[in-house]
Protein backbone atom coordinates (compact mmCIF):
# COMPACT_ATOMS: atom_id res chain seq x y z
CA MET A 1 80.78 16.31 33.61
CA THR A 2 83.20 19.18 33.26
CA THR A 3 82.18 22.00 30.94
CA ASP A 4 84.35 24.39 28.97
CA PHE A 5 83.80 28.14 28.71
CA ASN A 6 81.20 27.61 25.98
CA GLY A 7 79.13 25.38 28.25
CA HIS A 8 79.76 22.28 26.16
CA THR A 9 80.84 19.18 27.98
CA VAL A 10 84.49 18.36 27.40
CA PHE A 11 83.42 15.07 25.84
CA VAL A 12 81.14 16.78 23.31
CA THR A 13 83.74 19.41 22.50
CA ALA A 14 86.35 16.71 21.91
CA ALA A 15 83.94 14.81 19.67
CA GLU A 16 83.14 17.94 17.65
CA THR A 17 86.85 18.68 17.28
CA HIS A 18 87.51 15.12 16.15
CA VAL A 19 84.77 15.34 13.52
CA LYS A 20 86.20 18.61 12.21
CA GLU A 21 89.68 17.08 12.06
CA LEU A 22 88.32 14.16 10.05
CA GLU A 23 86.60 16.56 7.65
CA VAL A 24 89.86 18.49 7.17
CA GLN A 25 91.78 15.26 6.52
CA GLN A 26 89.19 14.18 3.95
CA ASN A 27 89.38 17.57 2.24
CA GLN A 28 93.18 17.44 2.14
CA THR A 29 93.08 13.92 0.71
CA ALA A 30 90.60 15.00 -1.96
CA HIS A 31 92.85 17.91 -2.93
CA GLN A 32 95.90 15.64 -3.10
CA ILE A 33 94.06 13.25 -5.40
CA SER A 34 92.82 16.05 -7.67
CA ASP A 35 96.31 17.60 -7.79
CA MET A 36 97.90 14.40 -9.09
CA PRO A 37 98.82 14.52 -12.81
């Protein structure tokens, strides 16, 4: 498989990025809920 400059496979890097994106979305949703009056 192709590796990026960190030595991770592109597949693993994409998976890690996807997980982080999901975490950010969950955090944003939690903030939106807590900000509601």
